[in-house]
Amino acid sequence: MPTPLEGVKVLDVSTMIAAPFGTALLGDFGADVTKVEIPGRGDTSRSVGPFKGDEPLRWPGLSRNKKSLTLDLHKAAGVEIMKKLAATHDILVENFRPGTLEKWGVGYDVLKEINPDLIMIRVSGYGQTGPYREKAGFGTPATAFSGYTYLQGFTDRHPVSPPFSLTDYICGIYVAFAAVTALYHRETAESGTGQMIDVALYESVFRMMEFLVAEYDQLGKIRERSPGLAGHSSPSGTFKTKDDHWVVLVTSTDTTFNRLAAVMNRNDLLTDTRYYTNASRLENNEAMNQIVADWISEHEREELLEKLDAAGVPISPVLSVADIFQNEQYQARENIVEVKHPRLGSIKVPGIVPKFEKTPGSIRSIAPDLGENNETILQSLGYSSDQIKAFKQNGVI
């Protein structure tokens, strides 16, 4: 079936997770993605765990639907190849420290002269402007800078960072969003051309903090750490069942709380001024959560889920990855798919998200080996076999 980004050419000049995840999303929906990597070493994420023997297990999911071209931008011939690539692509995504591409002679000011229609997305820890622009930027420190880490954890312990690269992956979604938005403008606006887009890692999470900003601005309140959804809805939290399973429950509206009270056979809560509205429950949150915790502790997980699902109360078991592999919803949605792998035989990776009715995404190729597509890509730019051989001998590719 046709894919929505078929014919769109993306040049991925980035490493690690944030920007490469964004280009992987574009690739999932049909974009032709060429990944530029350092000769002999490749993308840093090739050497990031987990591993099976020497095989990086993150790589197949993160770099699927891409071609690999090795290129040393420290060399003049590498720069010339980069310019030719930029001339033939719609989108270029990079995540070097600000000023690095300019130092190599392939900054946006140069490339837009070669290709005015080029959309260049620049990802960095703190953005292309401001006093922090040259600070090294990785996802976990950026998460702390965004204000998110300050909120996470128990009140009597230190702030806790997410246990995986959350900010990088969120940033990758912004990369893909920026790409298609700029592409739409280029294709539909009367004077549409390419443009440069500046994406900062920390801003990807900070954009979600409107509640934090408004609360401090209007109330002067500094929200402190909480292990759950604090200050929004009550009851909410992680609760333990009679058979020692964990579940997460939240009642974000009075309607859902009314349903919960009915299932608990506690209609008295609907007239008790301490609990009858979300605002009053928030003022008595500890007591409210304890009432729910005590009730949940009297029920085994499957019985509890059946009752609350039937009543329309938002609840979920806390799933491990082993649970996920067995879960019927994940299977029905094809959230985990198996793809061929040249050395492992096969490997399971996350499926395509979101699901398009008429132009669905697809996994057309497994993540490439380093430099796998050098010859094909360079020949498409007009280089001869002898020139390609010389590039290899001179360390250009």
Protein backbone atom coordinates (compact mmCIF):
# COMPACT_ATOMS: atom_id res chain seq x y z
CA MET A 1 0.00 0.00 0.00
CA PRO A 2 1.18 3.59 -0.53
CA THR A 3 2.86 5.33 2.39
CA PRO A 4 2.16 8.98 3.31
CA LEU A 5 5.79 10.11 2.97
CA GLU A 6 6.68 8.14 -0.13
CA GLY A 7 9.16 10.14 -2.24
CA VAL A 8 10.35 12.33 0.65
CA LYS A 9 14.13 12.13 1.01
CA VAL A 10 15.64 12.53 4.48
CA LEU A 11 19.31 12.94 5.33
CA ASP A 12 19.98 11.78 8.89
CA VAL A 13 23.25 13.34 10.08
CA SER A 14 22.73 12.55 13.75
CA THR A 15 23.72 10.14 16.49
CA MET A 16 22.30 8.43 19.58
CA ILE A 17 18.53 8.62 20.13
CA ALA A 18 16.56 11.88 19.87
CA ALA A 19 17.15 12.91 16.26
CA PRO A 20 17.58 9.33 14.95
CA PHE A 21 14.27 8.32 16.53
CA GLY A 22 12.60 11.21 14.72
CA THR A 23 14.01 10.09 11.36
CA ALA A 24 13.02 6.49 12.16
CA LEU A 25 9.41 7.67 12.57
CA LEU A 26 9.62 9.37 9.18
CA GLY A 27 11.07 6.18 7.74
CA ASP A 28 8.21 4.12 9.20
CA PHE A 29 5.83 6.15 7.05
CA GLY A 30 7.70 5.85 3.80
CA ALA A 31 10.42 8.49 3.81
CA ASP A 32 13.66 7.48 2.08
CA VAL A 33 16.15 7.94 4.95
CA THR A 34 19.91 7.99 4.40
CA LYS A 35 21.90 7.82 7.62
CA VAL A 36 25.35 9.42 7.54
CA GLU A 37 27.80 7.75 9.92
CA ILE A 38 31.45 8.10 10.90
CA PRO A 39 33.64 5.67 8.93
CA GLY A 40 34.85 2.70 10.94
CA ARG A 41 32.82 3.60 14.01
CA GLY A 42 29.30 4.50 13.02
CA ASP A 43 26.51 5.95 15.10
CA THR A 44 27.28 5.92 18.83
CA SER A 45 24.06 4.04 19.45
CA ARG A 46 25.63 1.01 17.76
CA SER A 47 27.75 0.71 20.91
CA VAL A 48 24.99 1.33 23.49
CA GLY A 49 23.40 -1.57 25.36
CA PRO A 50 21.67 -3.87 25.75
CA PHE A 51 23.78 -6.40 23.83
CA LYS A 52 23.57 -10.05 22.87
CA GLY A 53 27.22 -10.97 22.50
CA ASP A 54 28.56 -8.13 20.35
CA GLU A 55 25.20 -7.37 18.78
CA PRO A 56 23.50 -4.11 19.87
CA LEU A 57 19.83 -4.88 20.48
CA ARG A 58 18.54 -1.28 20.41
CA TRP A 59 19.89 -0.67 16.90
CA PRO A 60 17.36 -2.73 14.85
CA GLY A 61 14.36 -0.81 16.18
CA LEU A 62 16.00 2.60 16.25
CA SER A 63 17.44 2.56 12.72
CA ARG A 64 15.03 0.47 10.70
CA ASN A 65 13.97 1.75 7.28
CA LYS A 66 17.29 3.56 6.81
CA LYS A 67 20.30 3.23 4.53
CA SER A 68 23.83 3.68 5.90
CA LEU A 69 26.45 5.89 4.26
CA THR A 70 29.80 6.40 5.97
CA LEU A 71 31.25 9.87 5.51
CA ASP A 72 34.04 11.83 7.19
CA LEU A 73 33.07 15.49 7.23
CA HIS A 74 36.55 16.43 8.45
CA LYS A 75 37.80 15.77 4.90
CA ALA A 76 37.24 18.08 1.93
CA ALA A 77 35.93 15.24 -0.24
CA GLY A 78 33.46 14.34 2.52
CA VAL A 79 32.19 17.91 2.61
CA GLU A 80 31.67 17.91 -1.16
CA ILE A 81 29.70 14.66 -0.95
CA MET A 82 27.61 16.17 1.83
CA LYS A 83 26.80 19.18 -0.34
CA LYS A 84 25.70 16.91 -3.18
CA LEU A 85 23.50 14.96 -0.79
CA ALA A 86 21.92 18.15 0.56
CA ALA A 87 21.13 19.23 -3.00
CA THR A 88 19.04 16.11 -3.57
CA HIS A 89 17.22 15.80 -0.23
CA ASP A 90 14.09 17.39 1.23
CA ILE A 91 15.00 17.22 4.92
CA LEU A 92 18.29 17.16 6.81
CA VAL A 93 18.34 16.29 10.52
CA GLU A 94 21.47 16.87 12.64
CA ASN A 95 22.28 16.96 16.35
CA PHE A 96 25.86 18.14 16.65
CA ARG A 97 26.75 20.82 19.16
CA PRO A 98 25.73 24.23 17.72
CA GLY A 99 28.36 25.60 15.36
CA THR A 100 29.88 22.22 14.47
CA LEU A 101 28.47 21.97 10.95
CA GLU A 102 29.44 25.60 10.32
CA LYS A 103 33.01 24.75 11.35
CA TRP A 104 33.03 21.96 8.77
CA GLY A 105 31.64 24.22 6.05
CA VAL A 106 28.19 22.62 5.77
CA GLY A 107 26.07 24.85 7.99
CA TYR A 108 22.57 25.92 7.04
CA ASP A 109 23.83 29.16 5.52
CA VAL A 110 25.85 27.12 3.01
CA LEU A 111 23.36 24.35 2.34
CA LYS A 112 20.36 26.62 1.75
CA GLU A 113 22.29 28.33 -1.05
CA ILE A 114 22.73 24.92 -2.66
CA ASN A 115 19.12 23.86 -2.03
CA PRO A 116 16.66 26.63 -1.02
CA ASP A 117 13.97 23.98 -0.52
CA LEU A 118 16.00 22.13 2.12
CA ILE A 119 14.37 21.77 5.53
CA MET A 120 17.09 21.53 8.17
CA ILE A 121 16.17 20.36 11.65
CA ARG A 122 18.81 21.05 14.28
CA VAL A 123 18.58 19.17 17.58
CA SER A 124 20.73 20.11 20.57
CA GLY A 125 20.53 20.00 24.34
CA TYR A 126 19.71 23.68 24.86
CA GLY A 127 19.00 25.07 21.40
CA GLN A 128 20.93 27.10 18.85
CA THR A 129 20.59 30.34 20.84
CA GLY A 130 21.03 31.50 24.43
CA PRO A 131 23.94 31.38 26.89
CA TYR A 132 23.71 27.56 27.19
CA ARG A 133 23.83 26.84 23.45
CA GLU A 134 27.33 25.32 23.63
CA LYS A 135 26.71 23.11 26.68
CA ALA A 136 26.92 19.39 26.00
CA GLY A 137 23.37 18.10 25.84
CA PHE A 138 22.15 14.59 26.62
CA GLY A 139 18.64 13.49 27.48
CA THR A 140 18.99 12.76 31.19
CA PRO A 141 20.59 16.12 32.11
CA ALA A 142 18.09 17.85 29.82
CA THR A 143 15.28 16.13 31.72
CA ALA A 144 16.62 17.61 34.95
CA PHE A 145 16.86 21.03 33.31
CA SER A 146 13.26 20.79 32.05
CA GLY A 147 11.83 20.65 35.58
CA TYR A 148 10.61 17.08 35.23
CA THR A 149 13.20 15.36 37.44
CA TYR A 150 12.44 17.78 40.29
CA LEU A 151 8.89 16.39 40.37
CA GLN A 152 9.70 12.69 40.31
CA GLY A 153 10.34 10.49 43.33
CA PHE A 154 9.31 10.21 46.96
CA THR A 155 9.31 13.32 49.12
CA ASP A 156 11.82 11.90 51.60
CA ARG A 157 14.38 10.85 48.96
CA HIS A 158 16.41 12.38 46.16
CA PRO A 159 14.85 13.30 42.78
CA VAL A 160 14.71 10.36 40.38
CA SER A 161 15.60 10.39 36.68
CA PRO A 162 13.49 8.32 34.27
CA PRO A 163 14.94 4.80 33.88
CA PHE A 164 15.25 5.19 30.10
CA SER A 165 15.90 7.99 27.59
CA LEU A 166 12.44 9.52 27.90
CA THR A 167 13.33 13.05 26.83
CA ASP A 168 15.25 11.83 23.78
CA TYR A 169 12.27 9.86 22.53
CA ILE A 170 9.85 12.74 23.18
CA CYS A 171 12.22 15.03 21.32
CA GLY A 172 12.23 12.59 18.40
CA ILE A 173 8.48 12.97 18.10
CA TYR A 174 8.94 16.75 17.89
CA VAL A 175 11.55 16.18 15.17
CA ALA A 176 9.09 14.18 13.08
CA PHE A 177 6.31 16.70 13.77
CA ALA A 178 8.57 19.59 12.75
CA ALA A 179 9.60 17.79 9.57
CA VAL A 180 6.09 17.15 8.28
CA THR A 181 4.88 20.61 9.36
CA ALA A 182 7.70 22.35 7.49
CA LEU A 183 7.18 20.04 4.52
CA TYR A 184 3.49 20.90 4.42
CA HIS A 185 4.29 24.61 4.50
CA ARG A 186 6.88 24.25 1.75
CA GLU A 187 4.47 22.36 -0.47
CA THR A 188 1.30 24.41 0.12
CA ALA A 189 2.29 28.02 0.89
CA GLU A 190 2.41 30.38 -2.06
CA SER A 191 6.00 31.37 -1.26
CA GLY A 192 6.90 28.13 0.50
CA THR A 193 10.58 27.26 0.72
CA GLY A 194 12.81 25.29 3.05
CA GLN A 195 13.71 26.59 6.48
CA MET A 196 15.80 25.87 9.57
CA ILE A 197 14.10 24.43 12.67
CA ASP A 198 15.69 24.63 16.12
CA VAL A 199 14.73 21.83 18.55
CA ALA A 200 16.09 21.78 22.12
CA LEU A 201 15.95 18.57 24.15
CA TYR A 202 14.84 20.22 27.39
CA GLU A 203 12.07 22.17 25.65
CA SER A 204 10.47 18.93 24.45
CA VAL A 205 9.51 18.08 28.03
CA PHE A 206 9.11 21.63 29.32
CA ARG A 207 6.38 22.24 26.71
CA MET A 208 4.27 19.72 28.64
CA MET A 209 4.58 21.65 31.90
CA GLU A 210 1.83 24.23 31.40
CA PHE A 211 0.29 23.23 34.75
CA LEU A 212 3.63 23.87 36.47
CA VAL A 213 4.13 27.27 34.85
CA ALA A 214 0.60 28.52 35.50
CA GLU A 215 0.59 27.27 39.07
CA TYR A 216 3.83 29.06 39.95
CA ASP A 217 2.87 32.22 38.05
CA GLN A 218 -0.58 32.58 39.58
CA LEU A 219 -0.22 30.90 42.98
CA GLY A 220 3.51 31.17 43.68
CA LYS A 221 3.52 27.44 44.40
CA ILE A 222 6.62 25.31 43.87
CA ARG A 223 5.38 21.80 43.21
CA GLU A 224 7.49 19.20 45.02
CA ARG A 225 8.28 15.56 44.38
CA SER A 226 5.53 12.99 44.28
CA PRO A 227 5.51 9.32 43.26
CA GLY A 228 2.17 9.71 41.51
CA LEU A 229 -0.23 12.12 39.84
CA ALA A 230 -0.17 14.79 42.55
CA GLY A 231 -2.32 17.88 42.63
CA HIS A 232 -4.47 16.95 39.62
CA SER A 233 -6.93 14.26 40.56
CA SER A 234 -7.98 12.31 43.63
CA PRO A 235 -7.99 9.44 44.17
CA SER A 236 -5.05 8.41 42.04
CA GLY A 237 -1.99 6.31 42.53
CA THR A 238 -0.43 2.86 42.56
CA PHE A 239 -2.24 0.35 44.72
CA LYS A 240 -1.60 -3.27 45.78
CA THR A 241 -4.20 -6.00 45.35
CA LYS A 242 -5.00 -8.87 47.69
CA ASP A 243 -2.89 -11.25 45.57
CA ASP A 244 0.14 -8.92 45.64
CA HIS A 245 -0.15 -7.32 42.20
CA TRP A 246 0.22 -3.60 41.53
CA VAL A 247 -2.41 -1.56 39.70
CA VAL A 248 -2.67 2.10 38.75
CA LEU A 249 -6.00 3.84 39.19
CA VAL A 250 -6.99 7.44 38.54
CA THR A 251 -10.32 9.28 38.58
CA SER A 252 -9.65 12.46 36.64
CA THR A 253 -13.30 13.56 36.66
CA ASP A 254 -16.10 13.55 39.19
CA THR A 255 -18.04 11.26 36.85
CA THR A 256 -15.39 8.55 37.05
CA PHE A 257 -15.17 8.96 40.82
CA ASN A 258 -18.94 8.53 41.05
CA ARG A 259 -18.57 5.23 39.19
CA LEU A 260 -15.80 4.12 41.54
CA ALA A 261 -17.86 4.98 44.61
CA ALA A 262 -20.75 2.91 43.23
CA VAL A 263 -18.51 -0.13 42.62
CA MET A 264 -17.09 0.25 46.14
CA ASN A 265 -20.63 0.48 47.52
CA ARG A 266 -19.63 3.78 49.10
CA ASN A 267 -22.33 6.17 47.90
CA ASP A 268 -21.83 8.01 51.19
CA LEU A 269 -18.66 9.49 49.63
CA LEU A 270 -20.81 11.34 47.09
CA THR A 271 -22.43 13.45 49.80
CA ASP A 272 -19.49 13.76 52.18
CA THR A 273 -18.15 17.31 51.80
CA ARG A 274 -14.59 16.01 52.18
CA TYR A 275 -14.90 13.85 49.07
CA TYR A 276 -17.85 14.84 46.90
CA THR A 277 -15.85 16.93 44.39
CA ASN A 278 -12.35 16.58 42.98
CA ALA A 279 -11.34 19.86 44.63
CA SER A 280 -12.45 18.64 48.06
CA ARG A 281 -10.83 15.23 47.51
CA LEU A 282 -7.52 16.90 46.65
CA GLU A 283 -7.67 18.73 50.00
CA ASN A 284 -8.11 15.34 51.69
CA ASN A 285 -6.06 13.30 49.24
CA GLU A 286 -4.20 11.15 51.75
CA ALA A 287 -7.39 10.01 53.44
CA MET A 288 -9.11 9.50 50.08
CA ASN A 289 -6.29 7.37 48.71
CA GLN A 290 -6.23 5.31 51.88
CA ILE A 291 -9.94 4.50 51.54
CA VAL A 292 -9.31 3.27 47.99
CA ALA A 293 -6.13 1.41 48.97
CA ASP A 294 -7.96 -0.46 51.72
CA TRP A 295 -10.76 -1.45 49.33
CA ILE A 296 -8.38 -2.59 46.58
CA SER A 297 -6.38 -4.65 49.08
CA GLU A 298 -9.51 -6.76 49.66
CA HIS A 299 -9.74 -7.81 45.99
CA GLU A 300 -7.61 -10.00 43.76
CA ARG A 301 -6.34 -8.35 40.59
CA GLU A 302 -8.49 -10.05 37.96
CA GLU A 303 -11.67 -9.59 39.97
CA LEU A 304 -10.79 -5.93 40.55
CA LEU A 305 -10.05 -5.26 36.89
CA GLU A 306 -13.26 -6.95 35.80
CA LYS A 307 -15.39 -4.85 38.17
CA LEU A 308 -13.78 -1.51 37.40
CA ASP A 309 -13.51 -2.08 33.65
CA ALA A 310 -17.20 -2.92 33.56
CA ALA A 311 -17.98 0.31 35.43
CA GLY A 312 -15.75 2.47 33.21
CA VAL A 313 -13.24 3.36 35.92
CA PRO A 314 -9.72 3.99 34.51
CA ILE A 315 -7.43 1.27 35.87
CA SER A 316 -4.51 -0.76 34.55
CA PRO A 317 -2.30 -3.50 35.84
CA VAL A 318 1.36 -2.53 36.11
CA LEU A 319 2.87 -4.63 33.33
CA SER A 320 6.41 -5.94 33.06
CA VAL A 321 7.87 -6.53 29.60
CA ALA A 322 7.14 -10.25 30.08
CA ASP A 323 3.50 -9.36 30.74
CA ILE A 324 3.49 -7.17 27.63
CA PHE A 325 4.75 -9.99 25.42
CA GLN A 326 1.77 -12.11 26.53
CA ASN A 327 -0.88 -9.39 26.57
CA GLU A 328 -3.82 -9.81 24.21
CA GLN A 329 -4.19 -6.08 23.54
CA TYR A 330 -0.55 -5.76 22.47
CA GLN A 331 -1.01 -8.77 20.21
CA ALA A 332 -4.23 -7.49 18.65
CA ARG A 333 -2.64 -4.13 17.89
CA GLU A 334 0.56 -5.71 16.52
CA ASN A 335 2.57 -3.58 18.94
CA ILE A 336 5.42 -6.09 18.80
CA VAL A 337 6.53 -7.47 15.44
CA GLU A 338 9.25 -9.87 14.41
CA VAL A 339 11.75 -8.90 11.71
CA LYS A 340 14.63 -10.76 10.10
CA HIS A 341 18.15 -10.05 11.36
CA PRO A 342 21.36 -10.95 9.51
CA ARG A 343 23.09 -12.44 12.55
CA LEU A 344 20.42 -13.06 15.17
CA GLY A 345 18.07 -14.72 12.69
CA SER A 346 15.17 -12.61 13.89
CA ILE A 347 14.42 -9.98 16.50
CA LYS A 348 11.24 -8.47 17.90
CA VAL A 349 10.80 -4.70 17.73
CA PRO A 350 8.00 -2.20 18.43
CA GLY A 351 5.37 -2.05 15.70
CA ILE A 352 4.19 0.97 13.73
CA VAL A 353 2.56 3.87 15.60
CA PRO A 354 0.15 5.46 14.79
CA LYS A 355 -2.04 3.29 12.55
CA PHE A 356 -3.18 4.91 9.31
CA GLU A 357 -6.31 3.53 7.64
CA LYS A 358 -5.36 4.19 4.00
CA THR A 359 -1.61 4.80 4.03
CA PRO A 360 -0.19 2.66 6.84
CA GLY A 361 3.46 2.69 7.80
CA SER A 362 5.64 -0.38 7.43
CA ILE A 363 9.00 -1.89 8.29
CA ARG A 364 10.54 -2.28 4.84
CA SER A 365 14.12 -2.96 5.89
CA ILE A 366 16.06 -3.89 9.00
CA ALA A 367 18.60 -1.42 10.42
CA PRO A 368 21.64 -1.35 8.09
CA ASP A 369 25.15 -2.54 8.76
CA LEU A 370 27.74 0.23 8.79
CA GLY A 371 28.32 1.59 5.29
CA GLU A 372 26.06 -1.04 3.78
CA ASN A 373 24.71 1.34 1.13
CA ASN A 374 27.86 3.35 0.35
CA GLU A 375 28.23 2.24 -3.25
CA THR A 376 24.57 2.56 -4.20
CA ILE A 377 24.19 6.05 -2.69
CA LEU A 378 27.44 7.43 -4.12
CA GLN A 379 26.72 6.03 -7.57
CA SER A 380 23.33 7.79 -7.47
CA LEU A 381 25.26 11.05 -6.95
CA GLY A 382 27.32 10.37 -10.09
CA TYR A 383 30.52 8.96 -8.57
CA SER A 384 32.30 6.19 -10.45
CA SER A 385 33.46 2.88 -9.00
CA ASP A 386 37.07 4.11 -9.12
CA GLN A 387 36.18 7.30 -7.23
CA ILE A 388 34.30 5.30 -4.61
CA LYS A 389 37.28 2.98 -4.23
CA ALA A 390 39.56 6.01 -3.74
CA PHE A 391 37.18 7.48 -1.15
CA LYS A 392 37.44 4.24 0.82
CA GLN A 393 41.23 4.12 0.56
CA ASN A 394 41.52 7.74 1.76
CA GLY A 395 39.14 7.28 4.69
CA VAL A 396 36.46 9.56 3.26
CA ILE A 397 33.86 6.79 3.56
